[in-house]
Amino acid sequence: MKKNSFLSEIGLIFSTTLGAGFFALPFVFLKAGWVLGLIYLLFFSVLITAVHVLYFRVLTQASNGKRLLGLIKEKLGRRSFGVAIFTVLGGLTLALTAYLILGSRFLELIFPSLGFGWALIIFWILGSAPLFL
C-alpha cells in the first residue's frame, strides 16, 4: 500500500467518524455534564475505533476487492445481505437528516431572516449541487 493512499484512507475514516458528532459534542456535554460527557466520549471513541479496526482487518484480508455489502453477501448469504442493505440505507438516511438539520441551523444563524424552512431548502440545494455538476 502506498503512503499517500494510506494517509488518504485514514483521513477519510477520520473525517467521516468525526462528522456531525464534532458539533454535537458540546450539546451532549451541556445536557449530560462533564463527567458523563467524558464517559460517553471515551466509550464511543473506543467502540467506533474498534469497529473501524475490525472492518479494516476484514478489508485487508479480502483480496477480491469487495467492500462491506459485497463481503456480507459472500460470507453471510442473501438474507444477511438484505438486512445489510436496509441497515446501510437507514444509516445513510439518518446521517443525511442530521447534516441537513445541522447545516440549515448554521445557515439560519448566519442569515436569521431566512427561517428554518428556507435555510433547510437552500442548504439542501447547495449541498446537492455538486452531485449534479
Protein backbone atom coordinates (compact mmCIF):
# COMPACT_ATOMS: atom_id res chain seq x y z
CA MET A 1 0.00 0.00 0.00
CA LYS A 2 1.37 3.40 -0.97
CA LYS A 3 1.93 6.05 1.69
CA ASN A 4 -0.38 8.64 0.09
CA SER A 5 -3.11 6.06 -0.35
CA PHE A 6 -2.85 5.02 3.29
CA LEU A 7 -2.94 8.63 4.52
CA SER A 8 -5.95 9.46 2.37
CA GLU A 9 -7.78 6.37 3.67
CA ILE A 10 -7.00 7.31 7.26
CA GLY A 11 -8.13 10.88 6.54
CA LEU A 12 -11.40 9.63 5.07
CA ILE A 13 -12.10 7.42 8.10
CA PHE A 14 -11.16 10.26 10.46
CA SER A 15 -13.37 12.83 8.73
CA THR A 16 -16.40 10.57 8.41
CA THR A 17 -16.10 9.45 12.01
CA LEU A 18 -15.90 12.99 13.36
CA GLY A 19 -18.51 14.50 11.07
CA ALA A 20 -21.58 15.89 12.76
CA GLY A 21 -20.50 14.47 16.13
CA PHE A 22 -17.96 17.27 16.31
CA PHE A 23 -20.83 19.74 16.51
CA ALA A 24 -22.99 17.55 18.74
CA LEU A 25 -20.37 17.07 21.47
CA PRO A 26 -20.86 20.48 23.13
CA PHE A 27 -24.61 19.81 23.34
CA VAL A 28 -24.02 16.38 24.92
CA PHE A 29 -21.64 17.90 27.47
CA LEU A 30 -24.14 20.68 28.20
CA LYS A 31 -27.02 18.28 28.83
CA ALA A 32 -25.16 15.36 30.44
CA GLY A 33 -22.49 17.25 32.37
CA TRP A 34 -18.72 16.97 32.19
CA VAL A 35 -18.26 13.62 33.88
CA LEU A 36 -20.95 11.73 31.99
CA GLY A 37 -19.98 13.58 28.78
CA LEU A 38 -16.38 12.37 29.13
CA ILE A 39 -17.57 8.84 29.83
CA TYR A 40 -19.73 8.92 26.69
CA LEU A 41 -16.87 10.37 24.65
CA LEU A 42 -14.35 7.77 25.81
CA PHE A 43 -16.75 4.83 25.50
CA PHE A 44 -17.94 5.69 22.00
CA SER A 45 -14.44 6.63 20.85
CA VAL A 46 -13.16 3.19 21.85
CA LEU A 47 -16.21 1.47 20.35
CA ILE A 48 -16.02 3.28 17.00
CA THR A 49 -12.26 2.81 16.78
CA ALA A 50 -12.64 -0.93 17.46
CA VAL A 51 -15.29 -1.25 14.74
CA HIS A 52 -13.10 0.59 12.24
CA VAL A 53 -10.06 -1.55 13.09
CA LEU A 54 -12.10 -4.75 12.68
CA TYR A 55 -13.51 -3.55 9.37
CA PHE A 56 -10.04 -2.56 8.16
CA ARG A 57 -8.69 -6.02 9.04
CA VAL A 58 -11.51 -7.69 7.14
CA LEU A 59 -10.87 -5.48 4.10
CA THR A 60 -7.14 -6.16 4.11
CA GLN A 61 -7.72 -9.92 4.26
CA ALA A 62 -10.30 -9.88 1.46
CA SER A 63 -8.25 -9.97 -1.71
CA ASN A 64 -11.23 -9.98 -4.06
CA GLY A 65 -11.76 -6.18 -3.95
CA LYS A 66 -15.21 -6.40 -2.37
CA ARG A 67 -16.33 -3.96 0.27
CA LEU A 68 -18.85 -4.17 3.11
CA LEU A 69 -22.01 -5.20 1.26
CA GLY A 70 -20.18 -7.49 -1.14
CA LEU A 71 -18.42 -9.25 1.72
CA ILE A 72 -21.67 -9.65 3.64
CA LYS A 73 -23.36 -11.19 0.62
CA GLU A 74 -20.43 -13.54 0.02
CA LYS A 75 -19.81 -14.64 3.59
CA LEU A 76 -23.24 -14.45 5.24
CA GLY A 77 -25.69 -15.05 2.39
CA ARG A 78 -28.62 -13.32 0.73
CA ARG A 79 -30.78 -12.88 3.85
CA SER A 80 -27.99 -11.05 5.69
CA PHE A 81 -27.34 -9.01 2.55
CA GLY A 82 -30.95 -7.80 2.59
CA VAL A 83 -30.66 -6.80 6.25
CA ALA A 84 -27.35 -5.07 5.48
CA ILE A 85 -28.85 -3.09 2.59
CA PHE A 86 -31.68 -1.94 4.84
CA THR A 87 -29.22 -1.04 7.63
CA VAL A 88 -26.85 0.87 5.34
CA LEU A 89 -29.67 2.80 3.66
CA GLY A 90 -31.23 3.59 7.04
CA GLY A 91 -27.90 4.78 8.42
CA LEU A 92 -27.24 6.95 5.38
CA THR A 93 -30.73 8.45 5.58
CA LEU A 94 -30.28 9.28 9.26
CA ALA A 95 -26.82 10.74 8.63
CA LEU A 96 -28.12 12.92 5.80
CA THR A 97 -31.00 14.05 8.00
CA ALA A 98 -28.56 15.04 10.75
CA TYR A 99 -26.44 17.00 8.27
CA LEU A 100 -29.49 18.74 6.82
CA ILE A 101 -30.63 19.79 10.28
CA LEU A 102 -27.17 20.95 11.36
CA GLY A 103 -26.42 22.71 8.09
CA SER A 104 -29.72 24.53 7.99
CA ARG A 105 -29.35 25.59 11.63
CA PHE A 106 -25.91 27.05 10.85
CA LEU A 107 -27.31 28.79 7.78
CA GLU A 108 -30.15 30.13 9.88
CA LEU A 109 -27.61 31.52 12.39
CA ILE A 110 -25.76 33.30 9.60
CA PHE A 111 -28.95 34.59 7.94
CA PRO A 112 -31.60 34.84 10.71
CA SER A 113 -34.25 36.31 8.40
CA LEU A 114 -34.38 33.07 6.37
CA GLY A 115 -36.13 30.96 8.94
CA PHE A 116 -35.51 27.25 9.35
CA GLY A 117 -37.64 26.09 6.40
CA TRP A 118 -35.90 28.26 3.81
CA ALA A 119 -32.50 27.57 5.33
CA LEU A 120 -33.20 23.84 5.00
CA ILE A 121 -34.22 24.15 1.35
CA ILE A 122 -31.23 26.37 0.47
CA PHE A 123 -28.77 24.10 2.27
CA TRP A 124 -30.26 21.04 0.56
CA ILE A 125 -29.92 22.68 -2.88
CA LEU A 126 -26.37 23.89 -2.20
CA GLY A 127 -25.36 20.52 -0.77
CA SER A 128 -26.85 18.63 -3.73
CA ALA A 129 -25.49 20.93 -6.45
CA PRO A 130 -22.03 19.27 -6.66
CA LEU A 131 -23.71 15.92 -7.28
CA PHE A 132 -25.49 17.28 -10.33
CA LEU A 133 -22.46 19.17 -11.66
